[in-house]
Protein backbone atom coordinates (compact mmCIF):
# COMPACT_ATOMS: atom_id res chain seq x y z
CA MET A 1 9.94 -14.90 7.12
CA GLY A 2 8.07 -11.77 6.02
CA ASP A 3 7.93 -12.93 2.40
CA ALA A 4 6.66 -16.34 3.48
CA LEU A 5 3.94 -14.75 5.58
CA GLY A 6 2.99 -12.48 2.66
CA ILE A 7 2.66 -15.48 0.35
CA ALA A 8 0.66 -17.36 2.98
CA ALA A 9 -1.68 -14.37 3.35
CA ALA A 10 -2.20 -14.22 -0.42
CA LEU A 11 -2.96 -17.94 -0.58
CA LEU A 12 -5.41 -17.72 2.31
CA TRP A 13 -7.12 -14.70 0.72
CA ALA A 14 -7.47 -16.67 -2.52
CA MET A 15 -8.87 -19.66 -0.64
CA THR A 16 -11.40 -17.37 1.05
CA THR A 17 -12.55 -16.00 -2.30
CA LEU A 18 -12.79 -19.50 -3.81
CA THR A 19 -14.74 -20.71 -0.79
CA LEU A 20 -17.14 -17.79 -1.09
CA ARG A 21 -17.71 -18.46 -4.78
CA GLY A 22 -17.73 -22.27 -4.76
CA SER A 23 -19.65 -23.21 -1.64
CA ARG A 24 -23.09 -22.65 -0.17
CA LEU A 25 -21.78 -19.30 1.07
CA SER A 26 -22.23 -18.03 -2.50
CA THR A 27 -25.97 -17.84 -1.81
CA ALA A 28 -25.66 -16.48 1.73
CA THR A 29 -26.23 -12.80 2.37
CA PRO A 30 -23.09 -10.66 2.73
CA GLU A 31 -24.07 -9.97 6.36
CA LYS A 32 -24.17 -13.68 7.19
CA THR A 33 -20.84 -14.28 5.44
CA LEU A 34 -19.32 -11.39 7.39
CA LEU A 35 -20.63 -12.80 10.67
CA TYR A 36 -19.04 -16.19 9.93
CA GLN A 37 -15.75 -14.58 8.93
CA LEU A 38 -15.55 -12.41 12.04
CA LEU A 39 -16.67 -15.18 14.39
CA VAL A 40 -14.11 -17.69 13.12
CA SER A 41 -11.27 -15.17 12.93
CA GLY A 42 -12.09 -13.73 16.37
CA ILE A 43 -11.91 -17.15 17.98
CA ALA A 44 -8.78 -18.17 16.04
CA LEU A 45 -6.93 -14.90 16.72
CA GLY A 46 -7.95 -14.89 20.39
CA ALA A 47 -6.62 -18.44 20.78
CA ALA A 48 -3.40 -17.54 18.93
CA ALA A 49 -2.87 -14.53 21.24
CA LEU A 50 -3.34 -16.70 24.30
CA LEU A 51 -0.95 -19.36 22.96
CA ALA A 52 1.65 -16.70 22.15
CA GLY A 53 1.39 -15.32 25.68
CA GLU A 54 0.15 -11.89 24.61
CA PRO A 55 -0.88 -9.87 27.68
CA LEU A 56 -4.33 -8.32 27.92
CA PRO A 57 -4.31 -4.52 27.98
CA LEU A 58 -4.26 -3.20 31.53
CA ARG A 59 -5.58 0.26 30.69
CA LEU A 60 -7.87 1.32 27.88
CA SER A 61 -7.64 4.90 26.67
CA SER A 62 -8.85 6.90 23.70
CA ALA A 63 -5.42 6.32 22.14
CA SER A 64 -6.25 2.61 21.98
CA LEU A 65 -10.05 2.67 21.65
CA VAL A 66 -10.26 5.09 18.69
CA PRO A 67 -8.02 2.96 16.41
CA LEU A 68 -9.86 -0.16 17.62
CA ALA A 69 -13.21 1.43 16.73
CA PHE A 70 -11.86 2.37 13.28
CA GLN A 71 -10.61 -1.19 12.70
CA THR A 72 -13.92 -2.63 13.86
CA VAL A 73 -16.34 -0.35 12.02
CA ILE A 74 -14.49 0.61 8.83
CA VAL A 75 -12.02 -2.21 8.20
CA SER A 76 -13.76 -5.26 9.63
CA PHE A 77 -17.37 -4.27 9.04
CA ALA A 78 -17.83 -1.87 6.13
CA SER A 79 -15.02 -2.98 3.84
CA TYR A 80 -15.60 -6.71 4.27
CA LEU A 81 -19.34 -6.29 3.87
CA ALA A 82 -18.73 -4.48 0.59
CA TRP A 83 -16.17 -7.12 -0.47
CA PHE A 84 -18.55 -10.02 0.22
CA TRP A 85 -21.30 -8.25 -1.74
CA LEU A 86 -18.91 -7.69 -4.68
CA VAL A 87 -17.71 -11.32 -4.65
CA ARG A 88 -21.32 -12.45 -4.78
CA HIS A 89 -22.28 -10.20 -7.71
CA TYR A 90 -19.17 -9.96 -9.90
CA PRO A 91 -16.59 -12.43 -11.26
CA ALA A 92 -13.78 -12.99 -8.76
CA THR A 93 -11.15 -12.57 -11.47
CA ARG A 94 -12.32 -9.01 -12.16
CA ILE A 95 -12.72 -7.76 -8.61
CA SER A 96 -9.61 -9.41 -7.21
CA ALA A 97 -7.48 -6.93 -9.12
CA PHE A 98 -8.98 -4.16 -7.02
CA THR A 99 -7.30 -5.54 -3.90
CA LEU A 100 -4.18 -4.04 -5.47
CA LEU A 101 -5.65 -0.62 -4.66
CA THR A 102 -4.45 -1.18 -1.07
CA PRO A 103 -0.83 -0.15 -1.75
CA ILE A 104 -2.04 2.82 -3.80
CA PHE A 105 -4.20 4.11 -0.95
CA GLY A 106 -1.45 3.29 1.54
CA LEU A 107 1.08 5.34 -0.42
CA LEU A 108 -1.33 8.25 -0.87
CA ALA A 109 -2.29 8.22 2.82
CA GLY A 110 1.37 8.20 3.83
CA VAL A 111 2.09 11.21 1.64
CA LEU A 112 -1.07 13.19 2.42
CA LEU A 113 -1.61 12.35 6.09
CA LEU A 114 1.88 11.66 7.38
CA GLY A 115 3.92 13.96 5.15
CA GLU A 116 6.11 11.12 3.87
CA PRO A 117 8.08 11.83 0.70
CA ALA A 118 6.71 10.64 -2.65
CA THR A 119 9.98 9.54 -4.24
CA PRO A 120 10.24 8.96 -8.00
CA ARG A 121 10.64 5.23 -7.35
CA LEU A 122 7.36 5.14 -5.39
CA LEU A 123 5.56 7.14 -8.07
CA VAL A 124 6.76 4.71 -10.77
CA ALA A 125 5.54 1.80 -8.63
CA LEU A 126 2.21 3.57 -8.11
CA ALA A 127 1.82 4.06 -11.87
CA ALA A 128 2.74 0.42 -12.55
CA VAL A 129 0.10 -0.88 -10.14
CA ALA A 130 -2.51 1.49 -11.59
CA CYS A 131 -1.64 0.36 -15.15
CA GLY A 132 -1.90 -3.29 -14.07
CA ILE A 133 -5.38 -2.71 -12.65
CA LEU A 134 -6.43 -0.97 -15.86
CA LEU A 135 -5.04 -3.76 -18.04
CA VAL A 136 -6.80 -6.49 -16.08
CA ASN A 137 -10.15 -4.69 -16.18
CA ARG A 138 -10.19 -3.45 -19.76
CA SER A 139 -12.83 -4.95 -22.00
């Protein structure tokens, strides 16, 4: 199930990029594109949560509001705004390779912030992803 969801996520991400490049959204400002993305996903995810029977939080605390603020400001606002600007100004085939930086930063954050071990196997995987990004973007 996890692999199927991963493949579905990759396909949907690709469809988003193709839609941004091949529709009237290619001429829209990154801010407008971000607004559409967040509006549609907010409605869709809210409806999915209701259908799944997810309970609303009964108490809000800094332990829940701080991560929510980070997700809202950094992940949903700043990173997507930058992504939409990049998709508008650079070829999708070149910048899509940079989405592979996510596992690199995830591994580095786990090691540096959480004290997780950097095993030889993880370091080889890290090097392989970095080499792949370099190969795709070389002139």
